[in-house]
């Protein structure tokens, strides 16, 4: 039962990050042209897209390493606490 809850929590976090990635990509795709190089909002979106990709990679790496752990939940809780995309 606890393993199912843990897997469900990993999946919920993954889905939240994927949702945020889709939102950011949609904003970038529909950003009104022309886009000057110094456009702070657009540059922020590009940075957010790179950050969300890193967060997803970090989540997947932690999920893999915690699979063999007796206590995977503290690892997930730490990820949630330190992620800039999970509020």
N, C-alpha and C. Protein backbone atom coordinates (compact mmCIF):
# COMPACT_ATOMS: atom_id res chain seq x y z
N UNK A 1 0.82 -1.19 0.00
CA UNK A 1 0.00 0.00 0.00
C UNK A 1 0.87 1.26 0.00
N UNK A 2 1.90 1.29 0.86
CA UNK A 2 2.78 2.46 0.92
C UNK A 2 3.52 2.65 -0.40
N UNK A 3 3.92 1.55 -1.04
CA UNK A 3 4.61 1.64 -2.33
C UNK A 3 3.69 2.26 -3.39
N UNK A 4 2.43 1.89 -3.36
CA UNK A 4 1.47 2.46 -4.32
C UNK A 4 1.28 3.95 -4.06
N UNK A 5 1.22 4.34 -2.81
CA UNK A 5 1.08 5.76 -2.46
C UNK A 5 2.31 6.54 -2.91
N UNK A 6 3.48 5.97 -2.68
CA UNK A 6 4.72 6.63 -3.09
C UNK A 6 4.75 6.79 -4.61
N UNK A 7 4.43 5.74 -5.34
CA UNK A 7 4.41 5.81 -6.81
C UNK A 7 3.38 6.82 -7.29
N UNK A 8 2.25 6.86 -6.64
CA UNK A 8 1.22 7.83 -7.00
C UNK A 8 1.71 9.26 -6.77
N UNK A 9 2.44 9.47 -5.70
CA UNK A 9 2.98 10.80 -5.40
C UNK A 9 4.03 11.18 -6.43
N UNK A 10 4.94 10.25 -6.78
CA UNK A 10 5.92 10.52 -7.83
C UNK A 10 5.20 10.91 -9.12
N UNK A 11 4.16 10.17 -9.46
CA UNK A 11 3.42 10.43 -10.69
C UNK A 11 2.73 11.79 -10.64
N UNK A 12 2.17 12.16 -9.51
CA UNK A 12 1.52 13.47 -9.38
C UNK A 12 2.51 14.61 -9.56
N UNK A 13 3.69 14.47 -8.98
CA UNK A 13 4.73 15.49 -9.12
C UNK A 13 5.15 15.58 -10.58
N UNK A 14 5.37 14.43 -11.21
CA UNK A 14 5.75 14.38 -12.62
C UNK A 14 4.70 15.06 -13.49
N UNK A 15 3.43 14.76 -13.24
CA UNK A 15 2.35 15.37 -14.01
C UNK A 15 2.28 16.88 -13.81
N UNK A 16 2.55 17.33 -12.58
CA UNK A 16 2.55 18.77 -12.31
C UNK A 16 3.66 19.47 -13.09
N UNK A 17 4.85 18.86 -13.11
CA UNK A 17 5.95 19.44 -13.86
C UNK A 17 5.68 19.41 -15.37
N UNK A 18 5.13 18.32 -15.86
CA UNK A 18 4.80 18.23 -17.28
C UNK A 18 3.74 19.27 -17.67
N UNK A 19 2.78 19.48 -16.80
CA UNK A 19 1.76 20.50 -17.05
C UNK A 19 2.39 21.89 -17.13
N UNK A 20 3.30 22.16 -16.23
CA UNK A 20 3.99 23.45 -16.23
C UNK A 20 4.85 23.59 -17.49
N UNK A 21 5.49 22.51 -17.91
CA UNK A 21 6.29 22.55 -19.13
C UNK A 21 5.42 22.85 -20.34
N UNK A 22 4.25 22.22 -20.42
CA UNK A 22 3.33 22.49 -21.53
C UNK A 22 2.87 23.95 -21.52
N UNK A 23 2.59 24.47 -20.32
CA UNK A 23 2.14 25.87 -20.21
C UNK A 23 3.23 26.82 -20.70
N UNK A 24 4.45 26.59 -20.28
CA UNK A 24 5.57 27.44 -20.68
C UNK A 24 5.78 27.35 -22.19
N UNK A 25 5.80 26.13 -22.73
CA UNK A 25 5.97 25.96 -24.17
C UNK A 25 4.86 26.63 -24.96
N UNK A 26 3.65 26.56 -24.45
CA UNK A 26 2.52 27.20 -25.12
C UNK A 26 2.69 28.73 -25.13
N UNK A 27 3.14 29.28 -24.01
CA UNK A 27 3.39 30.72 -23.95
C UNK A 27 4.47 31.13 -24.94
N UNK A 28 5.52 30.35 -25.03
CA UNK A 28 6.60 30.66 -25.97
C UNK A 28 6.08 30.58 -27.40
N UNK A 29 5.35 29.52 -27.69
CA UNK A 29 4.82 29.31 -29.05
C UNK A 29 3.88 30.44 -29.48
N UNK A 30 3.12 30.98 -28.55
CA UNK A 30 2.12 32.00 -28.89
C UNK A 30 2.57 33.42 -28.52
N UNK A 31 3.84 33.58 -28.24
CA UNK A 31 4.35 34.91 -27.89
C UNK A 31 4.25 35.81 -29.11
N UNK A 32 3.71 37.01 -28.93
CA UNK A 32 3.49 37.88 -30.10
C UNK A 32 4.80 38.41 -30.69
N UNK A 33 4.93 38.28 -31.99
CA UNK A 33 6.12 38.84 -32.65
C UNK A 33 5.95 40.33 -32.87
N UNK A 34 6.97 41.02 -33.18
CA UNK A 34 8.37 40.60 -33.20
C UNK A 34 8.91 40.51 -31.78
N UNK A 35 9.89 39.65 -31.61
CA UNK A 35 10.47 39.44 -30.28
C UNK A 35 11.91 39.99 -30.30
N UNK A 36 12.12 41.12 -29.68
CA UNK A 36 13.49 41.65 -29.62
C UNK A 36 14.34 40.81 -28.66
N UNK A 37 15.63 40.79 -28.89
CA UNK A 37 16.55 40.00 -28.06
C UNK A 37 16.51 40.43 -26.59
N UNK A 38 16.15 41.67 -26.35
CA UNK A 38 16.17 42.18 -24.97
C UNK A 38 14.81 42.07 -24.28
N UNK A 39 13.87 41.33 -24.87
CA UNK A 39 12.54 41.18 -24.29
C UNK A 39 12.65 40.35 -23.00
N UNK A 40 12.52 41.02 -21.87
CA UNK A 40 12.73 40.38 -20.56
C UNK A 40 11.73 39.24 -20.32
N UNK A 41 10.47 39.43 -20.67
CA UNK A 41 9.46 38.39 -20.43
C UNK A 41 9.74 37.15 -21.27
N UNK A 42 10.09 37.34 -22.53
CA UNK A 42 10.39 36.20 -23.39
C UNK A 42 11.63 35.47 -22.90
N UNK A 43 12.66 36.23 -22.53
CA UNK A 43 13.87 35.61 -22.00
C UNK A 43 13.59 34.86 -20.71
N UNK A 44 12.68 35.38 -19.89
CA UNK A 44 12.27 34.68 -18.67
C UNK A 44 11.63 33.33 -19.02
N UNK A 45 10.78 33.33 -20.05
CA UNK A 45 10.13 32.08 -20.47
C UNK A 45 11.16 31.07 -20.97
N UNK A 46 12.15 31.54 -21.72
CA UNK A 46 13.20 30.63 -22.19
C UNK A 46 13.97 30.03 -21.02
N UNK A 47 14.26 30.86 -20.03
CA UNK A 47 14.95 30.38 -18.84
C UNK A 47 14.08 29.39 -18.06
N UNK A 48 12.80 29.69 -17.96
CA UNK A 48 11.88 28.79 -17.25
C UNK A 48 11.80 27.45 -17.97
N UNK A 49 11.80 27.47 -19.30
CA UNK A 49 11.76 26.22 -20.07
C UNK A 49 13.00 25.37 -19.79
N UNK A 50 14.16 26.00 -19.73
CA UNK A 50 15.39 25.26 -19.42
C UNK A 50 15.34 24.73 -17.99
N UNK A 51 14.85 25.53 -17.07
CA UNK A 51 14.77 25.11 -15.66
C UNK A 51 13.80 23.95 -15.47
N UNK A 52 12.66 23.98 -16.15
CA UNK A 52 11.69 22.89 -15.98
C UNK A 52 12.26 21.60 -16.57
N UNK A 53 13.02 21.71 -17.66
CA UNK A 53 13.66 20.51 -18.22
C UNK A 53 14.65 19.91 -17.23
N UNK A 54 15.42 20.78 -16.55
CA UNK A 54 16.36 20.29 -15.53
C UNK A 54 15.60 19.65 -14.36
N UNK A 55 14.50 20.25 -13.96
CA UNK A 55 13.72 19.69 -12.84
C UNK A 55 13.17 18.32 -13.20
N UNK A 56 12.68 18.16 -14.42
CA UNK A 56 12.17 16.86 -14.85
C UNK A 56 13.29 15.82 -14.88
N UNK A 57 14.46 16.21 -15.35
CA UNK A 57 15.61 15.29 -15.35
C UNK A 57 16.00 14.91 -13.93
N UNK A 58 16.01 15.90 -13.05
CA UNK A 58 16.36 15.64 -11.64
C UNK A 58 15.33 14.70 -11.00
N UNK A 59 14.05 14.93 -11.31
CA UNK A 59 12.99 14.07 -10.76
C UNK A 59 13.17 12.63 -11.24
N UNK A 60 13.43 12.45 -12.53
CA UNK A 60 13.60 11.10 -13.06
C UNK A 60 14.82 10.40 -12.45
N UNK A 61 15.91 11.14 -12.27
CA UNK A 61 17.11 10.56 -11.66
C UNK A 61 16.82 10.15 -10.22
N UNK A 62 16.14 11.01 -9.48
CA UNK A 62 15.80 10.67 -8.09
C UNK A 62 14.84 9.49 -8.02
N UNK A 63 13.90 9.44 -8.94
CA UNK A 63 12.95 8.32 -8.96
C UNK A 63 13.68 7.00 -9.19
N UNK A 64 14.63 7.01 -10.10
CA UNK A 64 15.40 5.79 -10.37
C UNK A 64 16.25 5.38 -9.18
N UNK A 65 16.93 6.33 -8.57
CA UNK A 65 17.80 5.97 -7.45
C UNK A 65 17.01 5.59 -6.20
N UNK A 66 15.82 6.12 -6.06
CA UNK A 66 15.04 5.81 -4.85
C UNK A 66 14.25 4.51 -4.97
N UNK A 67 14.20 3.92 -6.17
CA UNK A 67 13.45 2.67 -6.34
C UNK A 67 13.97 1.56 -5.45
N UNK A 68 15.25 1.50 -5.25
CA UNK A 68 15.82 0.46 -4.41
C UNK A 68 15.88 0.84 -2.94
N UNK A 69 15.43 2.02 -2.63
CA UNK A 69 15.53 2.52 -1.25
C UNK A 69 14.38 2.02 -0.40
N UNK A 70 14.67 1.84 0.88
CA UNK A 70 13.61 1.47 1.83
C UNK A 70 12.76 2.69 2.19
N UNK A 71 13.31 3.88 2.00
CA UNK A 71 12.64 5.13 2.39
C UNK A 71 12.63 6.12 1.22
N UNK A 72 11.83 5.87 0.17
CA UNK A 72 11.82 6.78 -0.97
C UNK A 72 11.09 8.11 -0.70
N UNK A 73 10.17 8.12 0.25
CA UNK A 73 9.36 9.31 0.48
C UNK A 73 10.18 10.52 0.92
N UNK A 74 11.17 10.39 1.80
CA UNK A 74 11.98 11.58 2.16
C UNK A 74 12.68 12.21 0.95
N UNK A 75 13.10 11.38 0.00
CA UNK A 75 13.74 11.88 -1.21
C UNK A 75 12.73 12.72 -2.01
N UNK A 76 11.54 12.22 -2.16
CA UNK A 76 10.49 12.93 -2.88
C UNK A 76 10.10 14.21 -2.15
N UNK A 77 9.98 14.14 -0.85
CA UNK A 77 9.63 15.33 -0.06
C UNK A 77 10.69 16.42 -0.21
N UNK A 78 11.95 16.02 -0.24
CA UNK A 78 13.04 16.99 -0.44
C UNK A 78 12.96 17.61 -1.83
N UNK A 79 12.64 16.80 -2.83
CA UNK A 79 12.49 17.34 -4.18
C UNK A 79 11.37 18.37 -4.21
N UNK A 80 10.24 18.05 -3.62
CA UNK A 80 9.10 18.96 -3.60
C UNK A 80 9.47 20.25 -2.87
N UNK A 81 10.17 20.12 -1.77
CA UNK A 81 10.55 21.29 -0.99
C UNK A 81 11.49 22.22 -1.75
N UNK A 82 12.38 21.65 -2.57
CA UNK A 82 13.39 22.46 -3.24
C UNK A 82 13.03 22.84 -4.68
N UNK A 83 11.97 22.29 -5.21
CA UNK A 83 11.59 22.61 -6.59
C UNK A 83 10.97 23.99 -6.68
N UNK A 84 11.41 24.77 -7.66
CA UNK A 84 10.83 26.09 -7.86
C UNK A 84 9.48 26.02 -8.56
N UNK A 85 9.10 24.84 -9.05
CA UNK A 85 7.86 24.71 -9.79
C UNK A 85 6.73 24.04 -9.01
N UNK A 86 7.03 23.53 -7.84
CA UNK A 86 6.02 22.89 -7.00
C UNK A 86 5.76 23.83 -5.83
N UNK A 87 4.54 24.29 -5.73
CA UNK A 87 4.21 25.26 -4.67
C UNK A 87 3.21 24.67 -3.71
